[in-house]
Protein backbone atom coordinates (compact mmCIF):
# COMPACT_ATOMS: atom_id res chain seq x y z
CA UNK A 1 -74.09 -91.15 45.61
CA UNK A 2 -73.82 -93.70 48.35
CA UNK A 3 -71.68 -93.44 51.50
CA UNK A 4 -69.34 -96.10 50.10
CA UNK A 5 -68.52 -93.95 47.09
CA UNK A 6 -68.03 -90.86 49.24
CA UNK A 7 -65.51 -92.73 51.43
CA UNK A 8 -63.54 -93.42 48.29
CA UNK A 9 -63.17 -89.69 47.65
CA UNK A 10 -62.59 -88.65 51.26
CA UNK A 11 -58.82 -87.98 50.85
CA UNK A 12 -59.39 -85.89 47.73
CA UNK A 13 -62.21 -83.93 49.35
CA UNK A 14 -60.10 -83.35 52.48
CA UNK A 15 -57.20 -82.11 50.30
CA UNK A 16 -59.47 -79.72 48.39
CA UNK A 17 -61.02 -78.33 51.57
CA UNK A 18 -57.59 -77.79 53.15
CA UNK A 19 -56.24 -76.22 49.95
CA UNK A 20 -59.17 -73.83 49.53
CA UNK A 21 -59.16 -72.96 53.25
CA UNK A 22 -55.42 -72.23 53.30
CA UNK A 23 -55.69 -70.27 50.05
CA UNK A 24 -58.56 -68.14 51.38
CA UNK A 25 -56.78 -67.43 54.68
CA UNK A 26 -53.55 -66.62 52.81
CA UNK A 27 -55.38 -64.27 50.44
CA UNK A 28 -57.22 -62.54 53.27
CA UNK A 29 -53.92 -61.93 55.06
CA UNK A 30 -52.34 -60.79 51.79
CA UNK A 31 -55.24 -58.42 51.12
CA UNK A 32 -54.94 -56.96 54.62
CA UNK A 33 -51.17 -56.54 54.14
CA UNK A 34 -51.54 -54.76 50.78
CA UNK A 35 -54.37 -52.47 51.85
CA UNK A 36 -52.51 -51.47 55.01
CA UNK A 37 -50.01 -49.63 52.78
CA UNK A 38 -52.61 -48.02 50.49
CA UNK A 39 -52.32 -45.68 48.62
CA UNK A 40 -48.57 -46.34 48.49
CA UNK A 41 -47.11 -49.59 47.17
CA UNK A 42 -46.23 -52.25 49.74
CA UNK A 43 -42.57 -52.93 50.65
CA UNK A 44 -42.45 -56.33 48.91
CA UNK A 45 -43.57 -54.78 45.63
CA UNK A 46 -40.89 -52.10 46.00
CA UNK A 47 -38.27 -54.74 46.85
CA UNK A 48 -39.14 -56.87 43.80
CA UNK A 49 -39.15 -53.80 41.56
CA UNK A 50 -35.75 -52.62 42.81
CA UNK A 51 -34.31 -56.13 42.34
CA UNK A 52 -35.70 -56.25 38.78
CA UNK A 53 -34.17 -52.85 38.00
CA UNK A 54 -30.84 -54.05 39.43
CA UNK A 55 -30.91 -57.10 37.16
CA UNK A 56 -31.63 -54.86 34.18
CA UNK A 57 -28.75 -52.60 35.22
CA UNK A 58 -26.41 -55.60 35.34
CA UNK A 59 -27.34 -56.20 31.69
CA UNK A 60 -26.50 -52.61 30.75
CA UNK A 61 -29.88 -50.91 30.92
CA UNK A 62 -30.23 -47.49 32.54
CA UNK A 63 -32.93 -48.92 34.82
CA UNK A 64 -34.07 -47.15 37.97
CA UNK A 65 -37.27 -47.19 40.01
CA UNK A 66 -39.81 -44.58 41.01
CA UNK A 67 -42.29 -45.15 43.84
CA UNK A 68 -45.74 -43.68 43.26
CA UNK A 69 -46.93 -42.18 46.54
CA UNK A 70 -50.56 -41.80 45.47
CA UNK A 71 -50.98 -45.19 43.76
CA UNK A 72 -49.91 -48.73 44.77
CA UNK A 73 -47.35 -48.82 41.98
CA UNK A 74 -43.62 -48.67 41.51
CA UNK A 75 -42.29 -47.90 38.02
CA UNK A 76 -39.18 -49.26 36.38
CA UNK A 77 -37.69 -46.40 34.39
CA UNK A 78 -35.33 -46.46 31.45
CA UNK A 79 -33.43 -43.20 30.96
CA UNK A 80 -35.82 -41.60 33.48
CA UNK A 81 -38.92 -42.60 31.46
CA UNK A 82 -41.44 -45.12 32.88
CA UNK A 83 -41.47 -48.43 31.03
CA UNK A 84 -43.16 -50.92 33.39
CA UNK A 85 -45.57 -50.26 36.24
CA UNK A 86 -45.26 -52.90 38.94
CA UNK A 87 -48.45 -53.30 41.02
CA UNK A 88 -48.95 -55.37 44.15
CA UNK A 89 -50.14 -58.32 42.07
CA UNK A 90 -46.74 -58.47 40.38
CA UNK A 91 -44.73 -59.06 43.55
CA UNK A 92 -45.18 -62.85 43.42
CA UNK A 93 -46.76 -63.20 46.86
CA UNK A 94 -50.08 -64.48 45.52
CA UNK A 95 -48.32 -67.18 43.50
CA UNK A 96 -46.39 -68.13 46.63
CA UNK A 97 -49.67 -68.43 48.55
CA UNK A 98 -50.99 -70.86 45.93
CA UNK A 99 -47.75 -72.86 46.14
CA UNK A 100 -47.78 -73.02 49.95
CA UNK A 101 -51.48 -73.85 50.11
CA UNK A 102 -50.92 -76.90 47.93
CA UNK A 103 -47.89 -78.11 49.87
CA UNK A 104 -49.49 -77.76 53.31
CA UNK A 105 -52.79 -79.27 52.11
CA UNK A 106 -51.01 -82.19 50.48
CA UNK A 107 -49.30 -83.68 53.44
CA UNK A 108 -47.82 -83.51 56.90
CA UNK A 109 -45.06 -81.22 58.06
CA UNK A 110 -41.79 -83.08 57.48
CA UNK A 111 -38.08 -82.25 57.37
CA UNK A 112 -38.22 -82.56 53.59
CA UNK A 113 -41.04 -80.03 53.43
CA UNK A 114 -39.06 -77.64 55.64
CA UNK A 115 -36.27 -77.42 53.06
CA UNK A 116 -38.54 -77.65 50.00
CA UNK A 117 -40.67 -74.64 51.04
CA UNK A 118 -37.80 -72.09 51.03
CA UNK A 119 -36.32 -73.67 47.91
CA UNK A 120 -39.65 -73.42 46.09
CA UNK A 121 -40.30 -69.87 47.30
CA UNK A 122 -36.81 -68.83 46.18
CA UNK A 123 -37.32 -70.38 42.75
CA UNK A 124 -40.71 -68.70 42.38
CA UNK A 125 -39.13 -65.36 43.36
CA UNK A 126 -36.36 -65.78 40.77
CA UNK A 127 -38.89 -66.73 38.08
CA UNK A 128 -40.97 -63.68 38.98
CA UNK A 129 -37.91 -61.42 38.69
CA UNK A 130 -37.26 -62.96 35.26
CA UNK A 131 -40.89 -62.29 34.31
CA UNK A 132 -40.70 -58.61 35.29
CA UNK A 133 -37.36 -58.03 33.58
CA UNK A 134 -38.60 -59.73 30.41
CA UNK A 135 -41.75 -57.59 30.50
CA UNK A 136 -39.47 -54.56 30.59
CA UNK A 137 -37.61 -55.80 27.50
CA UNK A 138 -40.87 -56.63 25.68
CA UNK A 139 -42.22 -53.17 26.55
CA UNK A 140 -39.15 -51.56 24.97
CA UNK A 141 -38.77 -53.68 21.84
CA UNK A 142 -42.32 -54.94 21.20
CA UNK A 143 -44.70 -52.64 23.09
CA UNK A 144 -47.72 -53.90 21.13
CA UNK A 145 -47.16 -57.35 22.72
CA UNK A 146 -46.87 -56.03 26.30
CA UNK A 147 -50.48 -56.72 27.26
CA UNK A 148 -50.50 -60.24 25.83
CA UNK A 149 -47.17 -61.22 27.37
CA UNK A 150 -48.12 -59.79 30.77
CA UNK A 151 -51.71 -61.01 30.93
CA UNK A 152 -51.38 -64.42 29.31
CA UNK A 153 -47.92 -65.65 28.29
CA UNK A 154 -45.82 -64.86 31.37
CA UNK A 155 -48.72 -65.58 33.75
CA UNK A 156 -49.09 -69.02 32.16
CA UNK A 157 -45.34 -69.62 32.48
CA UNK A 158 -45.19 -68.73 36.17
CA UNK A 159 -48.20 -70.92 37.03
CA UNK A 160 -46.78 -73.74 34.91
CA UNK A 161 -43.55 -73.38 36.87
CA UNK A 162 -45.48 -73.68 40.16
CA UNK A 163 -47.30 -76.72 38.79
CA UNK A 164 -43.95 -78.33 37.92
CA UNK A 165 -42.73 -77.64 41.45
CA UNK A 166 -45.85 -79.43 42.77
CA UNK A 167 -45.22 -82.37 40.45
CA UNK A 168 -41.62 -82.50 41.62
CA UNK A 169 -42.84 -82.46 45.21
CA UNK A 170 -45.46 -85.15 44.71
CA UNK A 171 -43.48 -87.58 42.56
CA UNK A 172 -39.85 -87.04 43.47
CA UNK A 173 -39.62 -85.52 46.92
CA UNK A 174 -42.37 -87.54 48.60
CA UNK A 175 -41.25 -90.71 46.81
CA UNK A 176 -44.62 -91.50 45.25
CA UNK A 177 -44.83 -92.81 41.73
CA UNK A 178 -47.80 -93.27 39.41
CA UNK A 179 -48.42 -96.86 40.50
CA UNK A 180 -48.43 -95.91 44.18
CA UNK A 181 -45.06 -97.55 44.87
CA UNK A 182 -42.10 -95.72 46.31
CA UNK A 183 -39.52 -94.15 44.00
């Protein structure tokens, strides 16, 4: 490939390098954070689990939580019986790292970005709470679908949601359309 062709891809290559670099740094920091609490679950996982149990309680479930002191897990209980085990990977932080890595790799720090970041993080948090509460309901009513919904269906939905936030950012918030003209 000649130098002329590489110049053509320079912005895309720069974006990818920034994205991967930010993602790796974010994941290293996240890994350090999670392992610093081992063998107990980290506070964010506990917070998300308690919020999910509160949502379930608002809908009439007898939902409580139980922190596991020897494993990085917090359970959501129904009538004092464990239904869903929430691990550190379920707290939504990794999805937020992916979201932030894209936004900061995509463009400069602007006022618009400063309000979009907390909005996006809040929406991701709410969608993650919905995911955990729905997993609870699936585990009660359709336990044989729990693995599939957790591993594939709800994971796909949350990453699709993040992708839609990125699309919103790229095409609506930044004012760029498909033909390169402003919105």
